[in-house]
Amino acid sequence: MAIYRLFEQPVFPNPEEAEPDGLLAVGGDLSISRLLAAYANGIFPWYAENSPILWWSTDPRLVLIPNELHTPKSLRRVVNSNRFSVTFDHDFKGVITACATTARPEQDGTWIVPEMVEAYIHLHEAGFAHSVESWRDGRLVGGLYGVSIGRAFFGESMFFCEPEASKVAFIHFVRHLRDHDFAFIDCQQTTRHLLRFGAREVRRSNFLAMLHSAVQQSEPSGCWNSSV
């Protein structure tokens, strides 16, 4: 299959035309309009420094239905202990910066390059990108961020600098989406960590059908700005 080159208009080829590894297109920019067009069509950017922007649509796709969240018993005890306080949209810049800079033993470097940090901060200011923060003694110790369109949430990255901090943020976050009638979280790629929480793989064609239904309400959801 061909890998498409993108130009000025924020349009994408059919995601079903992606390569077997999910690579669909190269080029373009990270403008708000292009990012929203990408997510609404099941496409996401993922690339490294000194690389052009690469756009992906993986098959199968990992999704988590909020009502299907599984919380391990040991983690429920941590959540209920109030060891961490959890907030929404209190420090988006802090979360995405930590996701970009926190060392990960299984990875060499980061894919959250500076231009991506800047682009998602603009997306947050426009009301489409959100963060969840875990705090302990007034210090940001874990969190996650992603993009919200309609009733779909597209998870991007998590970080922690204290054990269980990001997991507690994730549990409160999924409960928030459940209570607000979100259809699913797009986890993009399969990991054992997310499978443990009840995420499951679906064929890309099924994912795109779910996505089409979920993004019909496409106005920005604004700042969530709440705490648990």
C-alpha atoms as a PDB file:
ATOM      1  CA  MET A   1       0.000   0.000   0.000  1.00  0.00           C
ATOM      2  CA  ALA A   2       1.070   3.618  -0.558  1.00  0.00           C
ATOM      3  CA  ILE A   3       2.103   5.945   2.268  1.00  0.00           C
ATOM      4  CA  TYR A   4       0.425   9.272   1.581  1.00  0.00           C
ATOM      5  CA  ARG A   5       2.102  12.649   1.724  1.00  0.00           C
ATOM      6  CA  LEU A   6       0.009  15.391   3.349  1.00  0.00           C
ATOM      7  CA  PHE A   7      -0.122  18.993   2.187  1.00  0.00           C
ATOM      8  CA  GLU A   8      -1.735  22.198   3.476  1.00  0.00           C
ATOM      9  CA  GLN A   9      -5.364  21.102   3.697  1.00  0.00           C
ATOM     10  CA  PRO A  10      -6.192  19.163   6.909  1.00  0.00           C
ATOM     11  CA  VAL A  11      -7.518  16.089   5.104  1.00  0.00           C
ATOM     12  CA  PHE A  12      -6.466  12.452   5.364  1.00  0.00           C
ATOM     13  CA  PRO A  13      -6.735   9.332   3.229  1.00  0.00           C
ATOM     14  CA  ASN A  14      -8.997   6.463   4.253  1.00  0.00           C
ATOM     15  CA  PRO A  15      -7.447   4.937   7.406  1.00  0.00           C
ATOM     16  CA  GLU A  16      -8.202   1.467   6.039  1.00  0.00           C
ATOM     17  CA  GLU A  17      -5.414   2.130   3.498  1.00  0.00           C
ATOM     18  CA  ALA A  18      -2.708   2.150   6.186  1.00  0.00           C
ATOM     19  CA  GLU A  19       0.312  -0.137   5.979  1.00  0.00           C
ATOM     20  CA  PRO A  20       0.172  -3.403   7.999  1.00  0.00           C
ATOM     21  CA  ASP A  21       2.064  -1.693  10.846  1.00  0.00           C
ATOM     22  CA  GLY A  22      -0.481   1.161  10.832  1.00  0.00           C
ATOM     23  CA  LEU A  23       1.535   3.869   9.067  1.00  0.00           C
ATOM     24  CA  LEU A  24      -0.794   5.879   6.840  1.00  0.00           C
ATOM     25  CA  ALA A  25       0.700   9.262   5.955  1.00  0.00           C
ATOM     26  CA  VAL A  26       3.649  11.593   6.362  1.00  0.00           C
ATOM     27  CA  GLY A  27       3.966  15.374   6.557  1.00  0.00           C
ATOM     28  CA  GLY A  28       1.437  18.091   7.237  1.00  0.00           C
ATOM     29  CA  ASP A  29       1.436  19.972  10.510  1.00  0.00           C
ATOM     30  CA  LEU A  30       0.073  19.814  14.067  1.00  0.00           C
ATOM     31  CA  SER A  31      -2.536  22.550  13.732  1.00  0.00           C
ATOM     32  CA  ILE A  32      -5.717  22.253  15.772  1.00  0.00           C
ATOM     33  CA  SER A  33      -7.806  21.633  12.664  1.00  0.00           C
ATOM     34  CA  ARG A  34      -5.522  18.852  11.418  1.00  0.00           C
ATOM     35  CA  LEU A  35      -5.265  17.137  14.802  1.00  0.00           C
ATOM     36  CA  LEU A  36      -9.040  17.148  15.223  1.00  0.00           C
ATOM     37  CA  ALA A  37      -9.517  15.808  11.693  1.00  0.00           C
ATOM     38  CA  ALA A  38      -7.014  13.062  12.423  1.00  0.00           C
ATOM     39  CA  TYR A  39      -8.564  11.901  15.699  1.00  0.00           C
ATOM     40  CA  ALA A  40     -12.089  12.061  14.282  1.00  0.00           C
ATOM     41  CA  ASN A  41     -10.936   9.623  11.601  1.00  0.00           C
ATOM     42  CA  GLY A  42      -9.071   7.217  13.860  1.00  0.00           C
ATOM     43  CA  ILE A  43      -5.608   8.592  13.035  1.00  0.00           C
ATOM     44  CA  PHE A  44      -2.917   9.832  15.434  1.00  0.00           C
ATOM     45  CA  PRO A  45       0.588  11.358  15.134  1.00  0.00           C
ATOM     46  CA  TRP A  46       3.591   9.444  16.456  1.00  0.00           C
ATOM     47  CA  TYR A  47       7.168  10.215  15.510  1.00  0.00           C
ATOM     48  CA  ALA A  48      10.577  11.086  16.911  1.00  0.00           C
ATOM     49  CA  GLU A  49      12.892  14.069  16.759  1.00  0.00           C
ATOM     50  CA  ASN A  50      14.589  14.566  13.385  1.00  0.00           C
ATOM     51  CA  SER A  51      11.695  12.739  11.708  1.00  0.00           C
ATOM     52  CA  PRO A  52       8.849  14.119   9.615  1.00  0.00           C
ATOM     53  CA  ILE A  53       5.397  13.936  11.195  1.00  0.00           C
ATOM     54  CA  LEU A  54       4.088  10.391  10.844  1.00  0.00           C
ATOM     55  CA  TRP A  55       0.373   9.552  11.012  1.00  0.00           C
ATOM     56  CA  TRP A  56      -0.904   6.125  12.092  1.00  0.00           C
ATOM     57  CA  SER A  57      -4.091   4.055  12.178  1.00  0.00           C
ATOM     58  CA  THR A  58      -3.359   0.728  13.824  1.00  0.00           C
ATOM     59  CA  ASP A  59      -5.247  -2.535  13.389  1.00  0.00           C
ATOM     60  CA  PRO A  60      -6.367  -3.994  15.714  1.00  0.00           C
ATOM     61  CA  ARG A  61      -7.141  -1.048  17.992  1.00  0.00           C
ATOM     62  CA  LEU A  62      -7.141  -1.227  21.781  1.00  0.00           C
ATOM     63  CA  VAL A  63     -10.186   0.369  23.426  1.00  0.00           C
ATOM     64  CA  LEU A  64     -11.498   0.552  26.962  1.00  0.00           C
ATOM     65  CA  ILE A  65     -15.235   0.859  27.505  1.00  0.00           C
ATOM     66  CA  PRO A  66     -15.664   2.837  30.757  1.00  0.00           C
ATOM     67  CA  ASN A  67     -18.299   0.420  32.080  1.00  0.00           C
ATOM     68  CA  GLU A  68     -15.829  -2.451  31.570  1.00  0.00           C
ATOM     69  CA  LEU A  69     -13.106  -0.974  33.796  1.00  0.00           C
ATOM     70  CA  HIS A  70     -11.442  -3.622  35.973  1.00  0.00           C
ATOM     71  CA  THR A  71      -9.723  -2.349  39.109  1.00  0.00           C
ATOM     72  CA  PRO A  72      -7.443  -4.906  40.788  1.00  0.00           C
ATOM     73  CA  LYS A  73      -8.186  -5.382  44.483  1.00  0.00           C
ATOM     74  CA  SER A  74      -4.754  -4.132  45.561  1.00  0.00           C
ATOM     75  CA  LEU A  75      -5.230  -0.932  43.560  1.00  0.00           C
ATOM     76  CA  ARG A  76      -8.722  -0.370  44.954  1.00  0.00           C
ATOM     77  CA  ARG A  77      -7.141  -0.199  48.409  1.00  0.00           C
ATOM     78  CA  VAL A  78      -4.739   2.504  47.226  1.00  0.00           C
ATOM     79  CA  VAL A  79      -7.568   4.482  45.592  1.00  0.00           C
ATOM     80  CA  ASN A  80      -9.655   4.286  48.751  1.00  0.00           C
ATOM     81  CA  SER A  81      -6.734   5.231  51.011  1.00  0.00           C
ATOM     82  CA  ASN A  82      -6.698   8.817  49.668  1.00  0.00           C
ATOM     83  CA  ARG A  83      -2.916   8.616  49.414  1.00  0.00           C
ATOM     84  CA  PHE A  84      -3.170  10.852  46.346  1.00  0.00           C
ATOM     85  CA  SER A  85      -5.505  13.703  45.521  1.00  0.00           C
ATOM     86  CA  VAL A  86      -6.679  13.772  41.917  1.00  0.00           C
ATOM     87  CA  THR A  87      -7.579  16.801  39.797  1.00  0.00           C
ATOM     88  CA  PHE A  88      -8.687  17.390  36.214  1.00  0.00           C
ATOM     89  CA  ASP A  89      -7.203  20.115  33.992  1.00  0.00           C
ATOM     90  CA  HIS A  90      -5.326  21.813  36.818  1.00  0.00           C
ATOM     91  CA  ASP A  91      -1.860  21.513  35.241  1.00  0.00           C
ATOM     92  CA  PHE A  92      -2.008  20.326  31.634  1.00  0.00           C
ATOM     93  CA  LYS A  93       1.399  21.794  30.797  1.00  0.00           C
ATOM     94  CA  GLY A  94       2.954  20.102  33.817  1.00  0.00           C
ATOM     95  CA  VAL A  95       1.504  16.721  32.855  1.00  0.00           C
ATOM     96  CA  ILE A  96       2.487  16.772  29.180  1.00  0.00           C
ATOM     97  CA  THR A  97       5.955  18.065  30.050  1.00  0.00           C
ATOM     98  CA  ALA A  98       6.415  15.283  32.596  1.00  0.00           C
ATOM     99  CA  CYS A  99       5.186  12.704  30.068  1.00  0.00           C
ATOM    100  CA  ALA A 100       7.781  14.015  27.617  1.00  0.00           C
ATOM    101  CA  THR A 101      10.701  14.080  30.056  1.00  0.00           C
ATOM    102  CA  THR A 102      10.161  11.254  32.553  1.00  0.00           C
ATOM    103  CA  ALA A 103      12.568   8.386  31.911  1.00  0.00           C
ATOM    104  CA  ARG A 104      10.965   5.081  30.869  1.00  0.00           C
ATOM    105  CA  PRO A 105      13.075   1.938  31.316  1.00  0.00           C
ATOM    106  CA  GLU A 106      11.559   0.264  28.251  1.00  0.00           C
ATOM    107  CA  GLN A 107      12.057   3.236  25.918  1.00  0.00           C
ATOM    108  CA  ASP A 108      15.020   5.119  24.477  1.00  0.00           C
ATOM    109  CA  GLY A 109      14.015   8.773  24.379  1.00  0.00           C
ATOM    110  CA  THR A 110      10.544  10.193  23.841  1.00  0.00           C
ATOM    111  CA  TRP A 111       8.106  10.611  20.979  1.00  0.00           C
ATOM    112  CA  ILE A 112       6.566  13.707  22.632  1.00  0.00           C
ATOM    113  CA  VAL A 113       8.799  16.195  20.848  1.00  0.00           C
ATOM    114  CA  PRO A 114       8.721  19.941  21.700  1.00  0.00           C
ATOM    115  CA  GLU A 115       6.470  20.861  18.758  1.00  0.00           C
ATOM    116  CA  MET A 116       4.006  18.228  19.920  1.00  0.00           C
ATOM    117  CA  VAL A 117       3.993  19.626  23.463  1.00  0.00           C
ATOM    118  CA  GLU A 118       3.216  23.080  22.053  1.00  0.00           C
ATOM    119  CA  ALA A 119       0.497  21.746  19.736  1.00  0.00           C
ATOM    120  CA  TYR A 120      -1.343  19.876  22.483  1.00  0.00           C
ATOM    121  CA  ILE A 121      -1.166  22.855  24.825  1.00  0.00           C
ATOM    122  CA  HIS A 122      -2.966  24.821  22.092  1.00  0.00           C
ATOM    123  CA  LEU A 123      -5.462  21.958  21.793  1.00  0.00           C
ATOM    124  CA  HIS A 124      -6.018  22.134  25.562  1.00  0.00           C
ATOM    125  CA  GLU A 125      -6.568  25.891  25.410  1.00  0.00           C
ATOM    126  CA  ALA A 126      -9.180  25.257  22.711  1.00  0.00           C
ATOM    127  CA  GLY A 127     -11.035  22.857  25.042  1.00  0.00           C
ATOM    128  CA  PHE A 128     -10.237  19.561  23.299  1.00  0.00           C
ATOM    129  CA  ALA A 129      -7.234  18.213  25.250  1.00  0.00           C
ATOM    130  CA  HIS A 130      -7.417  17.338  28.939  1.00  0.00           C
ATOM    131  CA  SER A 131      -5.190  16.219  31.768  1.00  0.00           C
ATOM    132  CA  VAL A 132      -5.673  14.290  34.979  1.00  0.00           C
ATOM    133  CA  GLU A 133      -3.230  14.884  37.803  1.00  0.00           C
ATOM    134  CA  SER A 134      -2.202  12.940  40.915  1.00  0.00           C
ATOM    135  CA  TRP A 135      -0.818  15.033  43.755  1.00  0.00           C
ATOM    136  CA  ARG A 136       0.907  14.197  47.018  1.00  0.00           C
ATOM    137  CA  ASP A 137       1.825  16.854  49.549  1.00  0.00           C
ATOM    138  CA  GLY A 138       1.231  19.523  46.905  1.00  0.00           C
ATOM    139  CA  ARG A 139       3.578  17.911  44.366  1.00  0.00           C
ATOM    140  CA  LEU A 140       2.573  16.574  40.952  1.00  0.00           C
ATOM    141  CA  VAL A 141       3.540  12.883  41.083  1.00  0.00           C
ATOM    142  CA  GLY A 142       1.578  11.298  38.236  1.00  0.00           C
ATOM    143  CA  GLY A 143      -0.993  11.876  35.547  1.00  0.00           C
ATOM    144  CA  LEU A 144      -2.171  11.419  32.001  1.00  0.00           C
ATOM    145  CA  TYR A 145      -3.445  13.469  29.091  1.00  0.00           C
ATOM    146  CA  GLY A 146      -5.382  12.984  25.883  1.00  0.00           C
ATOM    147  CA  VAL A 147      -7.920  14.401  23.465  1.00  0.00           C
ATOM    148  CA  SER A 148     -11.707  14.518  23.823  1.00  0.00           C
ATOM    149  CA  ILE A 149     -14.061  14.736  20.848  1.00  0.00           C
ATOM    150  CA  GLY A 150     -17.745  14.114  21.383  1.00  0.00           C
ATOM    151  CA  ARG A 151     -18.123  10.954  23.483  1.00  0.00           C
ATOM    152  CA  ALA A 152     -14.683   9.564  22.584  1.00  0.00           C
ATOM    153  CA  PHE A 153     -11.453  10.082  24.499  1.00  0.00           C
ATOM    154  CA  PHE A 154      -8.093   9.437  22.865  1.00  0.00           C
ATOM    155  CA  GLY A 155      -5.441   8.585  25.420  1.00  0.00           C
ATOM    156  CA  GLU A 156      -1.961   9.870  24.650  1.00  0.00           C
ATOM    157  CA  SER A 157       0.486   9.305  27.502  1.00  0.00           C
ATOM    158  CA  MET A 158       0.905   8.763  31.250  1.00  0.00           C
ATOM    159  CA  PHE A 159       3.724   9.352  33.728  1.00  0.00           C
ATOM    160  CA  PHE A 160       4.473   8.729  37.373  1.00  0.00           C
ATOM    161  CA  CYS A 161       7.267   9.522  39.789  1.00  0.00           C
ATOM    162  CA  GLU A 162       5.657   7.686  42.730  1.00  0.00           C
ATOM    163  CA  PRO A 163       4.357   4.111  42.506  1.00  0.00           C
ATOM    164  CA  GLU A 164       0.625   3.838  41.719  1.00  0.00           C
ATOM    165  CA  ALA A 165       0.210   7.597  41.172  1.00  0.00           C
ATOM    166  CA  SER A 166      -0.691   7.366  37.487  1.00  0.00           C
ATOM    167  CA  LYS A 167      -2.861   4.287  38.075  1.00  0.00           C
ATOM    168  CA  VAL A 168      -4.945   6.119  40.678  1.00  0.00           C
ATOM    169  CA  ALA A 169      -5.352   9.057  38.270  1.00  0.00           C
ATOM    170  CA  PHE A 170      -6.396   6.615  35.553  1.00  0.00           C
ATOM    171  CA  ILE A 171      -9.054   4.935  37.724  1.00  0.00           C
ATOM    172  CA  HIS A 172     -10.635   8.267  38.702  1.00  0.00           C
ATOM    173  CA  PHE A 173     -10.442   9.406  35.086  1.00  0.00           C
ATOM    174  CA  VAL A 174     -12.244   6.337  33.701  1.00  0.00           C
ATOM    175  CA  ARG A 175     -14.931   6.695  36.360  1.00  0.00           C
ATOM    176  CA  HIS A 176     -15.354  10.339  35.290  1.00  0.00           C
ATOM    177  CA  LEU A 177     -15.834   9.276  31.668  1.00  0.00           C
ATOM    178  CA  ARG A 178     -18.305   6.580  32.722  1.00  0.00           C
ATOM    179  CA  ASP A 179     -20.347   9.083  34.717  1.00  0.00           C
ATOM    180  CA  HIS A 180     -20.400  11.464  31.735  1.00  0.00           C
ATOM    181  CA  ASP A 181     -21.548   8.823  29.248  1.00  0.00           C
ATOM    182  CA  PHE A 182     -18.371   8.546  27.187  1.00  0.00           C
ATOM    183  CA  ALA A 183     -18.457   5.657  24.730  1.00  0.00           C
ATOM    184  CA  PHE A 184     -14.834   4.536  24.918  1.00  0.00           C
ATOM    185  CA  ILE A 185     -11.183   5.404  25.426  1.00  0.00           C
ATOM    186  CA  ASP A 186      -8.958   4.882  22.414  1.00  0.00           C
ATOM    187  CA  CYS A 187      -5.769   3.369  23.847  1.00  0.00           C
ATOM    188  CA  GLN A 188      -4.169   3.234  20.377  1.00  0.00           C
ATOM    189  CA  GLN A 189      -1.731   0.382  20.985  1.00  0.00           C
ATOM    190  CA  THR A 190      -1.981  -2.816  22.999  1.00  0.00           C
ATOM    191  CA  THR A 191      -0.094  -3.103  26.287  1.00  0.00           C
ATOM    192  CA  ARG A 192      -0.397  -5.645  29.090  1.00  0.00           C
ATOM    193  CA  HIS A 193      -0.859  -2.743  31.489  1.00  0.00           C
ATOM    194  CA  LEU A 194      -4.063  -1.584  29.762  1.00  0.00           C
ATOM    195  CA  LEU A 195      -5.358  -5.108  29.170  1.00  0.00           C
ATOM    196  CA  ARG A 196      -5.164  -5.559  32.940  1.00  0.00           C
ATOM    197  CA  PHE A 197      -7.679  -2.720  33.344  1.00  0.00           C
ATOM    198  CA  GLY A 198     -10.210  -4.294  30.986  1.00  0.00           C
ATOM    199  CA  ALA A 199      -9.184  -2.838  27.633  1.00  0.00           C
ATOM    200  CA  ARG A 200      -9.725  -5.072  24.609  1.00  0.00           C
ATOM    201  CA  GLU A 201      -8.737  -5.194  20.975  1.00  0.00           C
ATOM    202  CA  VAL A 202     -11.230  -4.508  18.193  1.00  0.00           C
ATOM    203  CA  ARG A 203     -10.792  -4.624  14.445  1.00  0.00           C
ATOM    204  CA  ARG A 204     -10.095  -1.233  12.893  1.00  0.00           C
ATOM    205  CA  SER A 205     -13.322  -1.384  10.867  1.00  0.00           C
ATOM    206  CA  ASN A 206     -15.319  -1.880  14.076  1.00  0.00           C
ATOM    207  CA  PHE A 207     -13.363   0.861  15.819  1.00  0.00           C
ATOM    208  CA  LEU A 208     -14.094   3.314  13.015  1.00  0.00           C
ATOM    209  CA  ALA A 209     -17.810   2.526  13.247  1.00  0.00           C
ATOM    210  CA  MET A 210     -17.716   3.135  17.016  1.00  0.00           C
ATOM    211  CA  LEU A 211     -15.784   6.335  16.445  1.00  0.00           C
ATOM    212  CA  HIS A 212     -18.186   7.681  13.830  1.00  0.00           C
ATOM    213  CA  SER A 213     -21.062   7.352  16.291  1.00  0.00           C
ATOM    214  CA  ALA A 214     -19.120   8.813  19.228  1.00  0.00           C
ATOM    215  CA  VAL A 215     -17.791  11.986  17.583  1.00  0.00           C
ATOM    216  CA  GLN A 216     -21.101  13.315  16.297  1.00  0.00           C
ATOM    217  CA  GLN A 217     -21.094  15.770  19.219  1.00  0.00           C
ATOM    218  CA  SER A 218     -17.886  17.549  18.267  1.00  0.00           C
ATOM    219  CA  GLU A 219     -17.968  20.818  20.216  1.00  0.00           C
ATOM    220  CA  PRO A 220     -15.061  21.293  22.658  1.00  0.00           C
ATOM    221  CA  SER A 221     -15.919  20.104  26.141  1.00  0.00           C
ATOM    222  CA  GLY A 222     -14.053  23.030  27.739  1.00  0.00           C
ATOM    223  CA  CYS A 223     -12.014  22.891  30.914  1.00  0.00           C
ATOM    224  CA  TRP A 224     -13.014  20.007  33.199  1.00  0.00           C
ATOM    225  CA  ASN A 225     -11.294  21.703  36.165  1.00  0.00           C
ATOM    226  CA  SER A 226     -12.527  19.488  38.990  1.00  0.00           C
ATOM    227  CA  SER A 227     -11.003  17.449  41.775  1.00  0.00           C
ATOM    228  CA  VAL A 228     -11.582  14.165  43.574  1.00  0.00           C
END
